[in-house]
Amino acid sequence: MSASVSDALPSDPVATGTDSFRFDPGSLRACFAGRLLTAEAELAPFLRDWRRRYTGRAFAVAQPDTAADVAAVVRWCATHRVALVPQGGNTGLAGGATPDVDGRSIVLSLARMKRVRAIDPLNDTITVEAGCTLAEVRAAADAAGRLFPLSLPSEGTCTIGGNLATNAGGVAVLRYGNARELCLGLEVVTADGETWHGLRGLRKDNTGYDLRDLFVGSEGTLGVITAATLKLYPKPAAQVTALAALDDLQGALRLLELARAHLGAALTAFELVSEPCIELVTTRFPDQRRPFAQRSAWYALLETSDPEDETHASAAFEALMQRAFDDGAARDAVVATSAAQARRLWALRELVSEAQALEGKNVKHDVSVPISSIPAFVERAGAALAHGVPGVRPIVFGHAGDGNLHYNVSPPADRCGPAHEAEVLALQPAINRIVHDAAYAFGGSISAEHGLGQLRRDEVARYKPAIELALMRRIKQALDPLGIMNPGKVLPPG
């Protein structure tokens, strides 16, 4: 008979493993309802991250049906000192939902917990389980005549639990905020297997520490989010999407300033796209046409959501662009006159990462700086790269309305493709240091919306003050003293 998990693992904290580790699934299978996967072929999809950067090992994947089942699995893991890796849709970009390579973890997949528990249109709230995909949440809100505004390209696969665990951003943060701002209450299974029932649909609750904010953005290192109560909004009566051509980033900031003044809360998105991005997308996807006859250094993609009607929305946008032309903030603009045209304009922004991936390996960054510092940051990072890693190509785009840029770096055009992947990976540490140092110099962050996971875990020690890391470790120790919750993520060693 196989040794029990408690026999195989030493006492807390969670131990590192050996290849001789054996697992008898009987006691785990008996403690919860749902699926337990142990066959190698069944485990494989849960052990590799979306970017195919990390591949881990685990001896099982548990897929509970209810929060009570999740609590039972966590209690089993606490009893046997087994590490637990929570996972939603496995679409994360920092390796935060991928187990390590020692093979002594359980992946806790929330994929079967997909109920919409309640919708309250008058209170503008929806309560859903963590395994609901973002698309399912948005559809349920839409059916109730409301809008759930979080919007991500992966919405058909990513889950609301994962969105909250990473504090996802997206294109509508300018108007509605990150996932944190869209969450009113949580249901969480703690590291000792207790359940905190905090699904309150309240905008005001000043009765102590905000436990919700501890778990949102914690990437599963403090507990398991099993359900959430989320904010809803009225559906906009009309939307206008437009792309403006800009000479420089100062013009982009001036256009943003004008858009805020003219449109107020109706300004939903303000995305920034550089000329190399447009070149890349139109080259890799020939059906995507250039929006202007003349090339510009930068482009701004704007979306407005008007509470009145199409006529009012169009008039407000026309007034904005006339002022932008008069001020020299923009040189040209194209306004979508149909939903299909709006999708084509958005594709120029949303296909950048895919187009870059088709070229081969590249070095990605998800940084944020104060909006006012965007031009200086881009100039400093570009100059430092040209000096330190000559020939590489910055591919810069992102959410300029909230200061979040995806400052990706591609190798020289003649060094792309599988044959040069090792060269690109060898350059990665130097490129990371240059870009992140530049962001930090302006009071920025090395992870704006993707989280730290394991990708940025060690790097963050260079940029966070020691007191911040010490406080984070104290919180981790208090809430997860056995160290079983998603070990090896977020907190650097030490």
Protein backbone atom coordinates (compact mmCIF):
# COMPACT_ATOMS: atom_id res chain seq x y z
CA MET A 1 0.00 0.00 0.00
CA SER A 2 1.21 3.51 -0.76
CA ALA A 3 2.35 5.68 2.12
CA SER A 4 -0.10 8.32 3.25
CA VAL A 5 0.58 11.97 2.49
CA SER A 6 1.11 12.69 6.17
CA ASP A 7 3.80 9.99 6.30
CA ALA A 8 5.52 11.29 3.19
CA LEU A 9 5.67 14.94 4.18
CA PRO A 10 7.53 16.37 7.17
CA SER A 11 6.02 18.96 9.47
CA ASP A 12 5.31 22.57 8.56
CA PRO A 13 6.13 24.65 6.69
CA VAL A 14 5.41 22.86 3.41
CA ALA A 15 8.40 20.75 2.50
CA THR A 16 10.28 20.55 -0.75
CA GLY A 17 9.74 17.29 -2.54
CA THR A 18 11.61 14.35 -3.94
CA ASP A 19 10.96 12.15 -6.93
CA SER A 20 10.04 9.28 -4.57
CA PHE A 21 6.97 11.09 -3.20
CA ARG A 22 3.87 8.85 -3.36
CA PHE A 23 0.24 9.81 -3.08
CA ASP A 24 -2.77 7.71 -2.13
CA PRO A 25 -5.83 9.65 -3.38
CA GLY A 26 -8.36 7.74 -1.29
CA SER A 27 -8.67 10.07 1.67
CA LEU A 28 -8.78 13.18 -0.54
CA ARG A 29 -11.41 11.64 -2.81
CA ALA A 30 -13.57 10.85 0.19
CA CYS A 31 -13.61 14.40 1.58
CA PHE A 32 -15.34 16.38 -1.18
CA ALA A 33 -17.85 16.22 -4.04
CA GLY A 34 -16.67 17.03 -7.54
CA ARG A 35 -13.87 15.67 -9.71
CA LEU A 36 -10.45 14.44 -8.72
CA LEU A 37 -7.98 14.07 -11.57
CA THR A 38 -4.82 12.02 -11.10
CA ALA A 39 -3.99 10.56 -14.53
CA GLU A 40 -1.05 12.21 -16.29
CA ALA A 41 -3.06 13.09 -19.40
CA GLU A 42 -5.82 14.64 -17.27
CA LEU A 43 -3.38 16.74 -15.27
CA ALA A 44 -1.41 18.14 -18.22
CA PRO A 45 -3.72 21.10 -19.15
CA PHE A 46 -3.54 22.40 -15.58
CA LEU A 47 0.23 22.28 -15.25
CA ARG A 48 1.32 24.73 -17.95
CA ASP A 49 0.66 28.45 -18.00
CA TRP A 50 -1.07 30.26 -20.85
CA ARG A 51 2.17 31.75 -22.20
CA ARG A 52 3.84 28.30 -22.09
CA ARG A 53 6.62 29.74 -20.01
CA TYR A 54 6.16 27.55 -16.93
CA THR A 55 5.39 23.86 -16.63
CA GLY A 56 4.94 22.41 -13.16
CA ARG A 57 3.99 19.12 -11.58
CA ALA A 58 1.16 18.09 -9.27
CA PHE A 59 -0.11 14.80 -7.98
CA ALA A 60 -3.78 15.75 -8.38
CA VAL A 61 -6.25 18.34 -9.62
CA ALA A 62 -9.29 18.80 -7.39
CA GLN A 63 -12.41 20.38 -8.93
CA PRO A 64 -14.94 20.93 -6.12
CA ASP A 65 -18.61 21.71 -6.73
CA THR A 66 -19.27 24.06 -3.80
CA ALA A 67 -17.54 26.35 -1.33
CA ALA A 68 -18.04 23.65 1.32
CA ASP A 69 -16.14 21.24 -0.91
CA VAL A 70 -13.35 23.79 -1.35
CA ALA A 71 -13.12 24.11 2.44
CA ALA A 72 -12.89 20.33 2.78
CA VAL A 73 -10.02 20.16 0.29
CA VAL A 74 -8.17 22.98 2.06
CA ARG A 75 -8.62 21.28 5.43
CA TRP A 76 -7.23 18.07 3.96
CA CYS A 77 -4.22 19.96 2.61
CA ALA A 78 -3.65 21.68 5.97
CA THR A 79 -3.82 18.36 7.82
CA HIS A 80 -1.35 16.69 5.48
CA ARG A 81 0.90 19.74 4.87
CA VAL A 82 0.19 19.67 1.13
CA ALA A 83 0.61 22.80 -0.99
CA LEU A 84 -2.46 24.11 -2.80
CA VAL A 85 -2.41 26.07 -6.07
CA PRO A 86 -5.77 27.78 -6.83
CA GLN A 87 -6.56 28.04 -10.53
CA GLY A 88 -9.36 29.69 -12.52
CA GLY A 89 -9.27 29.76 -16.31
CA ASN A 90 -5.46 29.41 -16.38
CA THR A 91 -5.13 32.57 -18.48
CA GLY A 92 -2.77 34.42 -16.13
CA LEU A 93 0.31 36.11 -17.57
CA ALA A 94 2.73 35.79 -14.64
CA GLY A 95 2.67 32.07 -13.85
CA GLY A 96 0.68 32.64 -10.68
CA ALA A 97 -1.61 29.62 -11.17
CA THR A 98 1.06 27.10 -12.19
CA PRO A 99 2.51 24.70 -9.59
CA ASP A 100 6.23 24.38 -9.10
CA VAL A 101 8.25 21.43 -10.36
CA ASP A 102 8.55 19.35 -7.19
CA GLY A 103 5.25 17.56 -7.83
CA ARG A 104 3.99 17.82 -4.26
CA SER A 105 1.10 20.20 -4.87
CA ILE A 106 -2.58 19.90 -5.57
CA VAL A 107 -4.10 22.21 -8.17
CA LEU A 108 -7.46 23.47 -6.93
CA SER A 109 -9.51 24.24 -10.03
CA LEU A 110 -12.67 26.31 -9.48
CA ALA A 111 -13.96 25.50 -12.98
CA ARG A 112 -17.09 23.64 -11.79
CA MET A 113 -18.31 26.46 -9.53
CA LYS A 114 -20.25 28.46 -12.11
CA ARG A 115 -23.54 29.48 -10.48
CA VAL A 116 -24.95 32.97 -10.67
CA ARG A 117 -26.33 33.11 -7.14
CA ALA A 118 -28.24 36.39 -7.27
CA ILE A 119 -28.83 39.53 -9.31
CA ASP A 120 -30.22 42.68 -7.68
CA PRO A 121 -30.88 45.26 -10.44
CA LEU A 122 -32.13 47.86 -7.97
CA ASN A 123 -28.94 47.56 -5.87
CA ASP A 124 -26.89 47.16 -9.07
CA THR A 125 -25.16 44.00 -7.84
CA ILE A 126 -24.58 40.46 -9.04
CA THR A 127 -23.30 37.57 -6.91
CA VAL A 128 -21.46 34.84 -8.79
CA GLU A 129 -19.25 31.88 -8.03
CA ALA A 130 -15.55 32.05 -8.75
CA GLY A 131 -15.61 29.65 -11.70
CA CYS A 132 -17.94 31.79 -13.82
CA THR A 133 -16.10 33.10 -16.83
CA LEU A 134 -16.00 36.85 -17.29
CA ALA A 135 -18.13 36.45 -20.43
CA GLU A 136 -20.78 34.58 -18.41
CA VAL A 137 -20.87 37.32 -15.79
CA ARG A 138 -21.20 40.01 -18.45
CA ALA A 139 -23.97 38.04 -20.19
CA ALA A 140 -25.91 37.55 -16.95
CA ALA A 141 -25.67 41.27 -16.23
CA ASP A 142 -26.78 42.09 -19.77
CA ALA A 143 -29.80 39.81 -19.46
CA ALA A 144 -30.81 41.78 -16.37
CA GLY A 145 -30.51 45.07 -18.25
CA ARG A 146 -27.21 46.01 -16.62
CA LEU A 147 -23.52 46.30 -17.50
CA PHE A 148 -20.63 44.56 -15.80
CA PRO A 149 -17.81 46.69 -17.23
CA LEU A 150 -14.68 44.56 -16.72
CA SER A 151 -13.49 43.76 -20.26
CA LEU A 152 -10.54 41.56 -21.23
CA PRO A 153 -9.59 39.76 -24.46
CA SER A 154 -9.63 36.45 -22.57
CA GLU A 155 -13.17 36.94 -21.22
CA GLY A 156 -14.44 33.68 -22.71
CA THR A 157 -11.91 31.68 -20.67
CA CYS A 158 -10.75 33.73 -17.67
CA THR A 159 -12.82 33.37 -14.51
CA ILE A 160 -14.06 35.98 -12.10
CA GLY A 161 -12.16 34.33 -9.24
CA GLY A 162 -8.93 34.68 -11.17
CA ASN A 163 -9.80 38.24 -12.20
CA LEU A 164 -10.18 39.18 -8.54
CA ALA A 165 -7.18 37.19 -7.35
CA THR A 166 -4.98 39.16 -9.76
CA ASN A 167 -6.93 42.43 -9.55
CA ALA A 168 -7.40 42.42 -13.32
CA GLY A 169 -7.51 45.71 -15.20
CA GLY A 170 -8.47 45.88 -18.86
CA VAL A 171 -9.54 48.68 -21.15
CA ALA A 172 -12.30 50.24 -19.03
CA VAL A 173 -10.28 51.01 -15.88
CA LEU A 174 -10.29 54.71 -16.76
CA ARG A 175 -14.08 54.82 -16.22
CA TYR A 176 -14.86 51.93 -13.86
CA GLY A 177 -11.64 50.96 -12.09
CA ASN A 178 -9.81 47.66 -11.64
CA ALA A 179 -11.46 44.44 -10.48
CA ARG A 180 -10.91 45.64 -6.89
CA GLU A 181 -13.14 48.68 -7.46
CA LEU A 182 -15.84 46.47 -9.00
CA CYS A 183 -16.02 44.11 -6.01
CA LEU A 184 -18.23 44.78 -3.00
CA GLY A 185 -17.99 41.49 -1.14
CA LEU A 186 -16.30 38.09 -1.15
CA GLU A 187 -16.74 34.55 0.02
CA VAL A 188 -13.30 33.14 0.86
CA VAL A 189 -12.01 29.82 2.17
CA THR A 190 -9.10 30.56 4.49
CA ALA A 191 -5.87 28.59 4.74
CA ASP A 192 -7.20 26.54 7.67
CA GLY A 193 -10.37 25.57 5.80
CA GLU A 194 -12.82 27.99 7.38
CA THR A 195 -15.22 30.00 5.20
CA TRP A 196 -15.59 33.75 5.47
CA HIS A 197 -19.07 34.72 4.24
CA GLY A 198 -18.49 38.32 3.23
CA LEU A 199 -20.89 38.63 0.29
CA ARG A 200 -22.26 42.03 1.26
CA GLY A 201 -23.71 44.27 -1.43
CA LEU A 202 -22.84 47.43 0.48
CA ARG A 203 -21.14 50.56 -0.82
CA LYS A 204 -20.50 51.67 2.76
CA ASP A 205 -19.35 49.37 5.55
CA ASN A 206 -16.95 51.04 7.96
CA THR A 207 -16.77 48.33 10.63
CA GLY A 208 -13.10 47.42 10.76
CA TYR A 209 -10.30 46.18 8.55
CA ASP A 210 -11.22 45.72 4.89
CA LEU A 211 -10.66 41.97 4.56
CA ARG A 212 -11.91 42.05 0.99
CA ASP A 213 -8.93 44.10 -0.09
CA LEU A 214 -6.52 41.62 1.48
CA PHE A 215 -7.74 38.82 -0.74
CA VAL A 216 -8.27 40.80 -3.96
CA GLY A 217 -4.89 40.87 -5.70
CA SER A 218 -3.32 38.29 -3.38
CA GLU A 219 -3.04 35.68 -6.18
CA GLY A 220 -4.29 32.83 -4.02
CA THR A 221 -1.49 33.16 -1.46
CA LEU A 222 -3.81 34.04 1.46
CA GLY A 223 -7.01 32.14 0.73
CA VAL A 224 -9.33 30.88 -2.01
CA ILE A 225 -11.98 33.21 -3.42
CA THR A 226 -15.09 31.09 -4.01
CA ALA A 227 -17.70 33.76 -4.80
CA ALA A 228 -18.05 37.52 -5.16
CA THR A 229 -20.66 40.26 -5.10
CA LEU A 230 -19.89 42.69 -7.91
CA LYS A 231 -21.05 46.15 -8.96
CA LEU A 232 -23.29 46.60 -11.97
CA TYR A 233 -23.98 49.76 -13.97
CA PRO A 234 -26.68 51.04 -16.33
CA LYS A 235 -26.10 50.11 -19.94
CA PRO A 236 -24.87 53.05 -22.03
CA ALA A 237 -27.41 54.35 -24.52
CA ALA A 238 -24.73 54.83 -27.18
CA GLN A 239 -21.03 54.24 -27.75
CA VAL A 240 -18.57 56.00 -30.02
CA THR A 241 -15.17 54.55 -30.93
CA ALA A 242 -12.51 56.59 -32.70
CA LEU A 243 -8.81 56.50 -33.49
CA ALA A 244 -6.74 59.70 -33.43
CA ALA A 245 -3.35 60.19 -35.07
CA LEU A 246 -0.79 61.97 -32.88
CA ASP A 247 2.63 63.49 -33.42
CA ASP A 248 3.99 62.69 -29.98
CA LEU A 249 3.16 61.60 -26.46
CA GLN A 250 2.72 65.15 -25.22
CA GLY A 251 -0.08 65.42 -27.76
CA ALA A 252 -1.56 62.21 -26.35
CA LEU A 253 -1.66 63.67 -22.85
CA ARG A 254 -3.18 66.89 -24.13
CA LEU A 255 -5.86 64.90 -25.98
CA LEU A 256 -6.57 62.91 -22.80
CA GLU A 257 -6.92 66.15 -20.85
CA LEU A 258 -9.34 67.54 -23.44
CA ALA A 259 -11.32 64.27 -23.54
CA ARG A 260 -11.79 64.31 -19.79
CA ALA A 261 -12.93 67.93 -19.88
CA HIS A 262 -15.37 67.45 -22.77
CA LEU A 263 -16.68 63.96 -22.03
CA GLY A 264 -16.36 63.56 -18.28
CA ALA A 265 -17.51 60.15 -17.05
CA ALA A 266 -18.60 59.22 -20.58
CA LEU A 267 -14.93 58.61 -21.49
CA THR A 268 -14.65 54.84 -21.08
CA ALA A 269 -11.29 54.05 -22.65
CA PHE A 270 -8.18 55.89 -23.81
CA GLU A 271 -5.68 53.44 -25.29
CA LEU A 272 -2.26 54.28 -26.66
CA VAL A 273 -0.72 52.48 -29.66
CA SER A 274 2.68 53.22 -31.20
CA GLU A 275 3.42 53.17 -34.93
CA PRO A 276 5.53 49.96 -34.64
CA CYS A 277 2.42 48.26 -33.24
CA ILE A 278 0.32 49.29 -36.24
CA GLU A 279 3.09 48.15 -38.59
CA LEU A 280 3.30 44.79 -36.85
CA VAL A 281 -0.46 44.16 -36.85
CA THR A 282 -1.04 45.18 -40.47
CA THR A 283 1.94 43.09 -41.60
CA ARG A 284 1.01 39.94 -39.70
CA PHE A 285 -2.73 40.29 -40.35
CA PRO A 286 -3.11 41.57 -43.95
CA ASP A 287 -6.89 41.97 -43.55
CA GLN A 288 -6.20 44.72 -41.01
CA ARG A 289 -5.83 47.95 -42.97
CA ARG A 290 -4.01 51.09 -41.97
CA PRO A 291 -6.52 53.66 -40.72
CA PHE A 292 -4.71 56.71 -42.16
CA ALA A 293 -2.86 57.36 -45.40
CA GLN A 294 -0.06 59.11 -43.52
CA ARG A 295 1.81 57.41 -40.68
CA SER A 296 2.04 59.01 -37.26
CA ALA A 297 4.32 58.30 -34.33
CA TRP A 298 1.42 57.47 -31.99
CA TYR A 299 -2.29 56.74 -32.06
CA ALA A 300 -4.97 57.06 -29.38
CA LEU A 301 -8.02 54.79 -29.37
CA LEU A 302 -10.94 56.45 -27.58
CA GLU A 303 -14.28 55.01 -26.55
CA THR A 304 -17.15 56.99 -25.07
CA SER A 305 -20.27 55.54 -23.45
CA ASP A 306 -23.06 58.09 -23.56
CA PRO A 307 -26.08 57.94 -21.23
CA GLU A 308 -28.35 59.80 -23.69
CA ASP A 309 -28.33 58.78 -27.36
CA GLU A 310 -26.24 58.38 -30.51
CA THR A 311 -26.77 61.98 -31.61
CA HIS A 312 -25.57 63.37 -28.30
CA ALA A 313 -22.58 61.01 -28.25
CA SER A 314 -21.49 61.95 -31.78
CA ALA A 315 -21.90 65.68 -31.14
CA ALA A 316 -19.82 65.51 -27.97
CA PHE A 317 -17.06 63.64 -29.73
CA GLU A 318 -17.04 65.99 -32.72
CA ALA A 319 -16.67 68.96 -30.35
CA LEU A 320 -13.77 67.21 -28.61
CA MET A 321 -11.90 66.47 -31.82
CA GLN A 322 -12.40 69.96 -33.19
CA ARG A 323 -10.79 71.35 -30.05
CA ALA A 324 -7.98 68.77 -30.34
CA PHE A 325 -7.28 69.82 -33.93
CA ASP A 326 -7.33 73.49 -33.00
CA ASP A 327 -4.88 72.87 -30.14
CA GLY A 328 -2.58 70.69 -32.24
CA ALA A 329 -3.12 67.72 -29.93
CA ALA A 330 -4.20 65.50 -32.85
CA ARG A 331 -3.51 65.67 -36.56
CA ASP A 332 -6.29 63.37 -37.83
CA ALA A 333 -9.06 61.10 -36.60
CA VAL A 334 -11.35 58.37 -37.88
CA VAL A 335 -14.69 57.71 -36.16
CA ALA A 336 -16.42 54.34 -36.39
CA THR A 337 -19.90 54.62 -37.91
CA SER A 338 -20.93 51.03 -37.15
CA ALA A 339 -20.25 48.27 -34.65
CA ALA A 340 -18.19 46.45 -37.30
CA GLN A 341 -15.99 49.49 -37.85
CA ALA A 342 -15.54 49.87 -34.09
CA ARG A 343 -14.38 46.24 -33.85
CA ARG A 344 -11.86 46.83 -36.63
CA LEU A 345 -10.41 49.83 -34.81
CA TRP A 346 -10.19 47.85 -31.57
CA ALA A 347 -8.48 45.00 -33.45
CA LEU A 348 -5.54 47.30 -34.21
CA ARG A 349 -4.99 47.49 -30.46
CA GLU A 350 -6.02 43.98 -29.39
CA LEU A 351 -4.00 42.07 -31.99
CA VAL A 352 -0.66 43.59 -31.00
CA SER A 353 0.35 40.81 -28.61
CA GLU A 354 -0.73 38.09 -31.03
CA ALA A 355 1.13 39.73 -33.90
CA GLN A 356 4.23 40.01 -31.77
CA ALA A 357 3.96 36.35 -30.77
CA LEU A 358 3.86 35.34 -34.45
CA GLU A 359 7.33 36.89 -34.82
CA GLY A 360 8.71 34.68 -32.05
CA LYS A 361 9.90 35.20 -28.51
CA ASN A 362 9.84 38.71 -27.07
CA VAL A 363 10.22 40.29 -23.65
CA LYS A 364 6.98 41.56 -22.12
CA HIS A 365 6.45 44.20 -19.46
CA ASP A 366 3.34 45.42 -17.67
CA VAL A 367 4.39 48.66 -16.01
CA SER A 368 2.59 51.70 -14.67
CA VAL A 369 3.77 55.25 -14.10
CA PRO A 370 1.92 58.47 -13.27
CA ILE A 371 0.06 59.52 -16.40
CA SER A 372 2.01 62.78 -16.50
CA SER A 373 5.28 60.80 -16.63
CA ILE A 374 4.42 58.61 -19.63
CA PRO A 375 6.41 60.67 -22.20
CA ALA A 376 9.50 60.89 -19.99
CA PHE A 377 9.35 57.19 -19.10
CA VAL A 378 9.07 56.11 -22.75
CA GLU A 379 11.97 58.39 -23.71
CA ARG A 380 14.20 57.16 -20.87
CA ALA A 381 13.44 53.47 -21.42
CA GLY A 382 13.98 53.77 -25.18
CA ALA A 383 17.30 55.58 -24.80
CA ALA A 384 18.53 53.10 -22.21
CA LEU A 385 17.61 50.14 -24.41
CA ALA A 386 19.31 51.68 -27.45
CA HIS A 387 22.47 52.09 -25.40
CA GLY A 388 22.39 48.83 -23.42
CA VAL A 389 20.82 46.40 -25.91
CA PRO A 390 21.26 47.93 -29.37
CA GLY A 391 18.91 46.84 -32.12
CA VAL A 392 15.94 45.70 -30.05
CA ARG A 393 12.54 47.17 -30.92
CA PRO A 394 10.17 48.58 -28.29
CA ILE A 395 6.55 47.64 -29.04
CA VAL A 396 4.63 50.02 -26.81
CA PHE A 397 0.88 50.09 -26.25
CA GLY A 398 -1.51 50.13 -23.34
CA HIS A 399 -3.97 51.90 -21.12
CA ALA A 400 -2.73 55.48 -21.19
CA GLY A 401 -5.83 56.69 -19.38
CA ASP A 402 -4.63 54.98 -16.18
CA GLY A 403 -0.85 55.05 -16.74
CA ASN A 404 -0.47 51.33 -17.58
CA LEU A 405 1.80 50.56 -20.52
CA HIS A 406 2.68 47.20 -22.03
CA TYR A 407 6.27 48.02 -22.90
CA ASN A 408 7.18 44.90 -24.87
CA VAL A 409 10.56 44.47 -26.52
CA SER A 410 11.14 42.49 -29.71
CA PRO A 411 14.55 41.44 -31.04
CA PRO A 412 15.92 43.01 -34.21
CA ALA A 413 13.83 42.18 -37.27
CA ASP A 414 16.53 39.87 -38.63
CA ARG A 415 16.83 37.96 -35.34
CA CYS A 416 13.22 36.79 -34.98
CA GLY A 417 11.90 33.25 -35.05
CA PRO A 418 12.60 29.89 -33.38
CA ALA A 419 16.27 29.85 -34.38
CA HIS A 420 16.92 32.93 -32.24
CA GLU A 421 14.79 32.16 -29.18
CA ALA A 422 17.78 31.38 -26.97
CA GLU A 423 19.32 34.76 -27.85
CA VAL A 424 16.14 36.59 -26.87
CA LEU A 425 15.86 34.75 -23.55
CA ALA A 426 19.50 35.51 -22.79
CA LEU A 427 18.79 39.24 -23.23
CA GLN A 428 15.73 39.16 -20.98
CA PRO A 429 17.36 39.98 -17.61
CA ALA A 430 19.15 43.03 -19.02
CA ILE A 431 16.01 44.26 -20.78
CA ASN A 432 13.89 43.74 -17.67
CA ARG A 433 16.33 45.71 -15.55
CA ILE A 434 16.38 48.64 -17.99
CA VAL A 435 12.60 48.90 -18.38
CA HIS A 436 11.79 48.33 -14.72
CA ASP A 437 14.46 50.73 -13.50
CA ALA A 438 13.00 53.37 -15.82
CA ALA A 439 9.49 52.81 -14.45
CA TYR A 440 10.74 52.88 -10.86
CA ALA A 441 12.60 56.15 -11.51
CA PHE A 442 9.22 57.82 -12.08
CA GLY A 443 7.55 56.27 -9.04
CA GLY A 444 6.07 53.45 -11.11
CA SER A 445 5.30 49.76 -10.68
CA ILE A 446 6.73 46.70 -12.43
CA SER A 447 3.30 45.03 -12.49
CA ALA A 448 0.23 47.11 -13.19
CA GLU A 449 -2.44 44.48 -13.86
CA HIS A 450 -0.85 41.05 -14.45
CA GLY A 451 0.32 40.39 -10.90
CA LEU A 452 3.70 39.13 -9.71
CA GLY A 453 3.08 35.39 -9.76
CA GLN A 454 6.43 33.69 -10.19
CA LEU A 455 7.44 35.83 -13.18
CA ARG A 456 8.11 39.03 -11.18
CA ARG A 457 8.39 37.53 -7.69
CA ASP A 458 12.15 37.90 -7.32
CA GLU A 459 12.41 41.19 -9.20
CA VAL A 460 10.00 42.96 -6.88
CA ALA A 461 12.56 42.75 -4.06
CA ARG A 462 14.65 45.33 -5.94
CA TYR A 463 11.84 47.87 -6.05
CA LYS A 464 9.64 47.45 -2.98
CA PRO A 465 10.84 49.05 0.25
CA ALA A 466 11.93 46.56 2.88
CA ILE A 467 9.11 47.62 5.20
CA GLU A 468 6.50 46.77 2.55
CA LEU A 469 7.92 43.29 2.05
CA ALA A 470 8.16 42.79 5.80
CA LEU A 471 4.50 43.76 6.27
CA MET A 472 3.45 41.47 3.42
CA ARG A 473 5.33 38.57 5.01
CA ARG A 474 3.65 39.23 8.35
CA ILE A 475 0.24 39.11 6.70
CA LYS A 476 1.16 35.88 4.92
CA GLN A 477 2.39 34.33 8.18
CA ALA A 478 -0.76 35.39 10.03
CA LEU A 479 -3.21 34.08 7.45
CA ASP A 480 -1.25 31.07 6.16
CA PRO A 481 1.12 29.93 8.93
CA LEU A 482 1.69 26.53 7.31
CA GLY A 483 2.65 28.13 3.99
CA ILE A 484 0.34 25.87 1.96
CA MET A 485 -1.41 28.57 -0.10
CA ASN A 486 0.18 28.92 -3.53
CA PRO A 487 3.76 28.81 -2.26
CA GLY A 488 6.51 30.38 -4.34
CA LYS A 489 4.29 33.18 -5.67
CA VAL A 490 4.23 36.95 -5.01
CA LEU A 491 6.64 37.06 -2.04
CA PRO A 492 10.35 36.87 -2.88
CA PRO A 493 12.48 34.47 -0.79
CA GLY A 494 14.03 35.80 2.38
